N, C-alpha and C. Protein backbone atom coordinates (compact mmCIF):
# COMPACT_ATOMS: atom_id res chain seq x y z
N MET A 1 94.15 95.53 124.50
CA MET A 1 94.25 94.61 123.38
C MET A 1 95.58 93.86 123.47
N ALA A 2 95.52 92.56 123.34
CA ALA A 2 96.73 91.74 123.37
C ALA A 2 97.53 91.99 122.10
N ASN A 3 98.81 91.86 122.21
CA ASN A 3 99.66 92.08 121.05
C ASN A 3 100.43 90.82 120.70
N SER A 4 100.69 90.68 119.44
CA SER A 4 101.47 89.57 118.93
C SER A 4 102.88 89.65 119.50
N ASP A 5 103.47 88.48 119.78
CA ASP A 5 104.84 88.49 120.29
C ASP A 5 105.85 88.13 119.22
N LYS A 6 105.38 87.91 118.00
CA LYS A 6 106.29 87.61 116.90
C LYS A 6 106.80 88.91 116.29
N ASN A 7 108.00 88.85 115.76
CA ASN A 7 108.56 90.03 115.10
C ASN A 7 108.75 89.74 113.62
N PHE A 8 108.16 90.58 112.79
CA PHE A 8 108.37 90.49 111.35
C PHE A 8 108.20 91.88 110.77
N THR A 9 108.67 92.05 109.56
CA THR A 9 108.64 93.35 108.92
C THR A 9 107.30 93.57 108.24
N TYR A 10 106.69 94.71 108.54
CA TYR A 10 105.43 95.07 107.91
C TYR A 10 105.70 95.70 106.55
N PRO A 11 104.91 95.36 105.54
CA PRO A 11 105.08 95.99 104.22
C PRO A 11 104.72 97.48 104.28
N ILE A 12 105.58 98.30 103.70
CA ILE A 12 105.35 99.74 103.66
C ILE A 12 105.65 100.20 102.24
N LEU A 13 104.74 100.96 101.65
CA LEU A 13 104.96 101.47 100.30
C LEU A 13 105.68 102.80 100.35
N SER A 14 106.51 103.02 99.35
CA SER A 14 107.20 104.31 99.27
C SER A 14 106.14 105.40 99.08
N GLY A 15 106.36 106.52 99.68
CA GLY A 15 105.41 107.61 99.56
C GLY A 15 104.43 107.67 100.72
N TRP A 16 104.43 106.66 101.58
CA TRP A 16 103.56 106.71 102.75
C TRP A 16 104.12 107.68 103.77
N ASN A 17 103.24 108.45 104.39
CA ASN A 17 103.69 109.32 105.47
C ASN A 17 103.54 108.58 106.80
N LYS A 18 103.89 109.24 107.88
CA LYS A 18 103.86 108.62 109.20
C LYS A 18 102.47 108.08 109.54
N ASP A 19 101.43 108.85 109.27
CA ASP A 19 100.06 108.42 109.57
C ASP A 19 99.67 107.20 108.74
N ASP A 20 100.08 107.16 107.47
CA ASP A 20 99.79 106.01 106.62
C ASP A 20 100.43 104.75 107.20
N ILE A 21 101.67 104.87 107.63
CA ILE A 21 102.39 103.73 108.20
C ILE A 21 101.70 103.25 109.48
N ILE A 22 101.31 104.19 110.32
CA ILE A 22 100.62 103.84 111.57
C ILE A 22 99.30 103.15 111.26
N ASN A 23 98.53 103.69 110.32
CA ASN A 23 97.23 103.12 109.98
C ASN A 23 97.36 101.73 109.36
N ALA A 24 98.33 101.53 108.49
CA ALA A 24 98.55 100.21 107.91
C ALA A 24 99.02 99.23 109.00
N SER A 25 99.87 99.70 109.88
CA SER A 25 100.39 98.84 110.94
C SER A 25 99.29 98.37 111.88
N LYS A 26 98.26 99.19 112.08
CA LYS A 26 97.13 98.79 112.92
C LYS A 26 96.42 97.58 112.32
N LEU A 27 96.27 97.57 110.99
CA LEU A 27 95.66 96.42 110.34
C LEU A 27 96.56 95.20 110.47
N TYR A 28 97.84 95.36 110.19
CA TYR A 28 98.77 94.23 110.28
C TYR A 28 98.73 93.62 111.68
N SER A 29 98.73 94.47 112.68
CA SER A 29 98.70 94.02 114.07
C SER A 29 97.39 93.29 114.39
N ALA A 30 96.27 93.84 113.91
CA ALA A 30 94.97 93.21 114.14
C ALA A 30 94.90 91.83 113.49
N VAL A 31 95.45 91.71 112.27
CA VAL A 31 95.45 90.42 111.58
C VAL A 31 96.34 89.43 112.33
N ALA A 32 97.51 89.86 112.76
CA ALA A 32 98.40 88.98 113.53
C ALA A 32 97.72 88.52 114.81
N ASN A 33 97.06 89.44 115.49
CA ASN A 33 96.36 89.08 116.72
C ASN A 33 95.23 88.09 116.45
N ALA A 34 94.55 88.23 115.31
CA ALA A 34 93.47 87.31 114.96
C ALA A 34 93.98 85.87 114.89
N TYR A 35 95.20 85.71 114.44
CA TYR A 35 95.79 84.37 114.35
C TYR A 35 96.34 83.90 115.69
N GLU A 36 96.91 84.79 116.45
CA GLU A 36 97.65 84.40 117.65
C GLU A 36 96.80 84.34 118.91
N VAL A 37 96.00 85.36 119.16
CA VAL A 37 95.26 85.43 120.42
C VAL A 37 93.78 85.75 120.23
N GLY A 38 93.41 86.11 119.03
CA GLY A 38 92.04 86.54 118.75
C GLY A 38 91.97 88.06 118.79
N VAL A 39 90.95 88.58 118.13
CA VAL A 39 90.80 90.03 118.03
C VAL A 39 89.31 90.37 117.99
N ASP A 40 88.98 91.54 118.45
CA ASP A 40 87.62 92.04 118.33
C ASP A 40 87.30 92.23 116.85
N ARG A 41 86.23 91.64 116.39
CA ARG A 41 85.85 91.68 114.97
C ARG A 41 85.72 93.11 114.46
N GLN A 42 85.06 93.97 115.22
CA GLN A 42 84.84 95.34 114.77
C GLN A 42 86.15 96.12 114.72
N THR A 43 87.06 95.85 115.65
CA THR A 43 88.37 96.50 115.64
C THR A 43 89.11 96.16 114.34
N LEU A 44 89.03 94.90 113.96
CA LEU A 44 89.68 94.47 112.72
C LEU A 44 89.04 95.15 111.51
N LEU A 45 87.71 95.15 111.45
CA LEU A 45 87.03 95.76 110.31
C LEU A 45 87.28 97.27 110.24
N ASP A 46 87.33 97.92 111.38
CA ASP A 46 87.64 99.36 111.42
C ASP A 46 89.06 99.61 110.92
N ALA A 47 90.00 98.78 111.35
CA ALA A 47 91.40 98.93 110.91
C ALA A 47 91.50 98.71 109.40
N TYR A 48 90.72 97.77 108.88
CA TYR A 48 90.73 97.52 107.44
C TYR A 48 90.14 98.71 106.67
N ALA A 49 89.08 99.29 107.19
CA ALA A 49 88.46 100.46 106.53
C ALA A 49 89.44 101.62 106.45
N VAL A 50 90.18 101.85 107.52
CA VAL A 50 91.18 102.92 107.51
C VAL A 50 92.32 102.56 106.55
N PHE A 51 92.74 101.29 106.56
CA PHE A 51 93.78 100.81 105.65
C PHE A 51 93.38 101.08 104.20
N LYS A 52 92.09 100.89 103.88
CA LYS A 52 91.64 101.11 102.50
C LYS A 52 91.71 102.59 102.11
N THR A 53 91.73 103.51 103.06
CA THR A 53 91.93 104.92 102.72
C THR A 53 93.40 105.18 102.37
N VAL A 54 94.29 104.35 102.94
CA VAL A 54 95.72 104.46 102.65
C VAL A 54 96.05 103.73 101.35
N VAL A 55 95.41 102.58 101.13
CA VAL A 55 95.66 101.73 99.97
C VAL A 55 94.34 101.46 99.26
N PRO A 56 93.84 102.43 98.50
CA PRO A 56 92.56 102.22 97.82
C PRO A 56 92.65 101.26 96.63
N SER A 57 93.83 101.10 96.07
CA SER A 57 94.02 100.26 94.89
C SER A 57 93.98 98.78 95.26
N LYS A 58 93.12 98.02 94.57
CA LYS A 58 93.01 96.58 94.81
C LYS A 58 94.32 95.87 94.50
N SER A 59 95.00 96.30 93.44
CA SER A 59 96.25 95.63 93.07
C SER A 59 97.34 95.88 94.12
N GLU A 60 97.42 97.10 94.64
CA GLU A 60 98.39 97.38 95.71
C GLU A 60 98.02 96.61 96.98
N GLU A 61 96.72 96.52 97.27
CA GLU A 61 96.28 95.77 98.44
C GLU A 61 96.70 94.31 98.32
N LYS A 62 96.53 93.72 97.14
CA LYS A 62 96.93 92.33 96.93
C LYS A 62 98.44 92.16 97.06
N GLN A 63 99.20 93.12 96.52
CA GLN A 63 100.66 93.08 96.62
C GLN A 63 101.09 93.11 98.09
N ILE A 64 100.51 94.03 98.84
CA ILE A 64 100.83 94.16 100.26
C ILE A 64 100.42 92.89 101.01
N GLY A 65 99.25 92.37 100.67
CA GLY A 65 98.77 91.15 101.31
C GLY A 65 99.70 89.98 101.09
N ARG A 66 100.19 89.83 99.86
CA ARG A 66 101.14 88.75 99.56
C ARG A 66 102.44 88.92 100.33
N GLU A 67 102.93 90.15 100.36
CA GLU A 67 104.18 90.44 101.08
C GLU A 67 104.02 90.17 102.58
N PHE A 68 102.91 90.63 103.14
CA PHE A 68 102.64 90.42 104.56
C PHE A 68 102.53 88.93 104.88
N GLU A 69 101.82 88.19 104.02
CA GLU A 69 101.66 86.76 104.26
C GLU A 69 102.97 86.00 104.13
N SER A 70 103.82 86.43 103.20
CA SER A 70 105.10 85.72 103.03
C SER A 70 106.04 85.94 104.22
N THR A 71 105.95 87.09 104.87
CA THR A 71 106.82 87.34 106.03
C THR A 71 106.22 86.87 107.34
N SER A 72 104.88 86.86 107.43
CA SER A 72 104.24 86.55 108.71
C SER A 72 103.52 85.20 108.72
N GLY A 73 103.10 84.74 107.54
CA GLY A 73 102.28 83.54 107.48
C GLY A 73 100.80 83.83 107.68
N TYR A 74 100.43 85.10 107.82
CA TYR A 74 99.05 85.50 108.09
C TYR A 74 98.44 86.17 106.87
N SER A 75 97.19 85.82 106.58
CA SER A 75 96.50 86.34 105.40
C SER A 75 95.53 87.46 105.76
N ILE A 76 95.81 88.65 105.24
CA ILE A 76 94.88 89.77 105.43
C ILE A 76 93.55 89.43 104.77
N TYR A 77 93.61 88.91 103.55
CA TYR A 77 92.40 88.60 102.79
C TYR A 77 91.50 87.62 103.54
N LYS A 78 92.06 86.50 103.98
CA LYS A 78 91.27 85.47 104.67
C LYS A 78 90.69 85.99 105.98
N THR A 79 91.47 86.81 106.68
CA THR A 79 91.03 87.34 107.96
C THR A 79 89.87 88.30 107.79
N VAL A 80 89.99 89.22 106.85
CA VAL A 80 88.92 90.19 106.59
C VAL A 80 87.68 89.47 106.05
N LYS A 81 87.89 88.49 105.19
CA LYS A 81 86.77 87.73 104.64
C LYS A 81 85.99 87.05 105.77
N LEU A 82 86.69 86.39 106.70
CA LEU A 82 86.02 85.73 107.81
C LEU A 82 85.31 86.75 108.70
N ALA A 83 85.95 87.89 108.94
CA ALA A 83 85.34 88.93 109.78
C ALA A 83 84.03 89.42 109.17
N ARG A 84 83.97 89.50 107.85
CA ARG A 84 82.76 89.96 107.18
C ARG A 84 81.66 88.89 107.20
N GLN A 85 82.05 87.63 107.26
CA GLN A 85 81.09 86.54 107.19
C GLN A 85 80.53 86.11 108.54
N THR A 86 81.21 86.43 109.61
CA THR A 86 80.80 85.96 110.92
C THR A 86 79.99 87.03 111.66
N GLU A 87 79.17 86.58 112.57
CA GLU A 87 78.42 87.49 113.43
C GLU A 87 79.08 87.61 114.79
N SER A 88 80.05 86.74 115.06
CA SER A 88 80.73 86.71 116.35
C SER A 88 81.48 88.02 116.60
N HIS A 89 81.51 88.43 117.86
CA HIS A 89 82.23 89.66 118.21
C HIS A 89 83.73 89.43 118.30
N HIS A 90 84.13 88.20 118.59
CA HIS A 90 85.54 87.85 118.75
C HIS A 90 85.96 86.96 117.58
N LEU A 91 87.07 87.28 116.97
CA LEU A 91 87.55 86.55 115.80
C LEU A 91 88.87 85.89 116.13
N LYS A 92 88.94 84.59 115.89
CA LYS A 92 90.20 83.84 116.08
C LYS A 92 90.39 82.97 114.86
N MET A 93 91.49 83.22 114.14
CA MET A 93 91.78 82.45 112.94
C MET A 93 92.36 81.09 113.33
N GLU A 94 91.98 80.06 112.59
CA GLU A 94 92.54 78.72 112.78
C GLU A 94 93.66 78.54 111.77
N ASP A 95 94.71 77.89 112.20
CA ASP A 95 95.85 77.67 111.30
C ASP A 95 95.55 76.66 110.23
């Protein structure tokens, strides 16, 4: 899997353990890749499903999404929405 070459800070909530941070980071990385080089649609959806076990609260998810978008310019919401709507195996976000 190709990785993003940009560096930015991933949002992390207090109280997250190492596994939570790793699982959230997988989603952040998949979203960044969707914008930069493209990503496997199922990989992104799987990362989002695991992320939702870490952040089940919709309000916390929105807070994290806003923070991630403000630092990276990438939208978790728009990326997951497109992944759910498309049948394509490869997902590439347009700027």
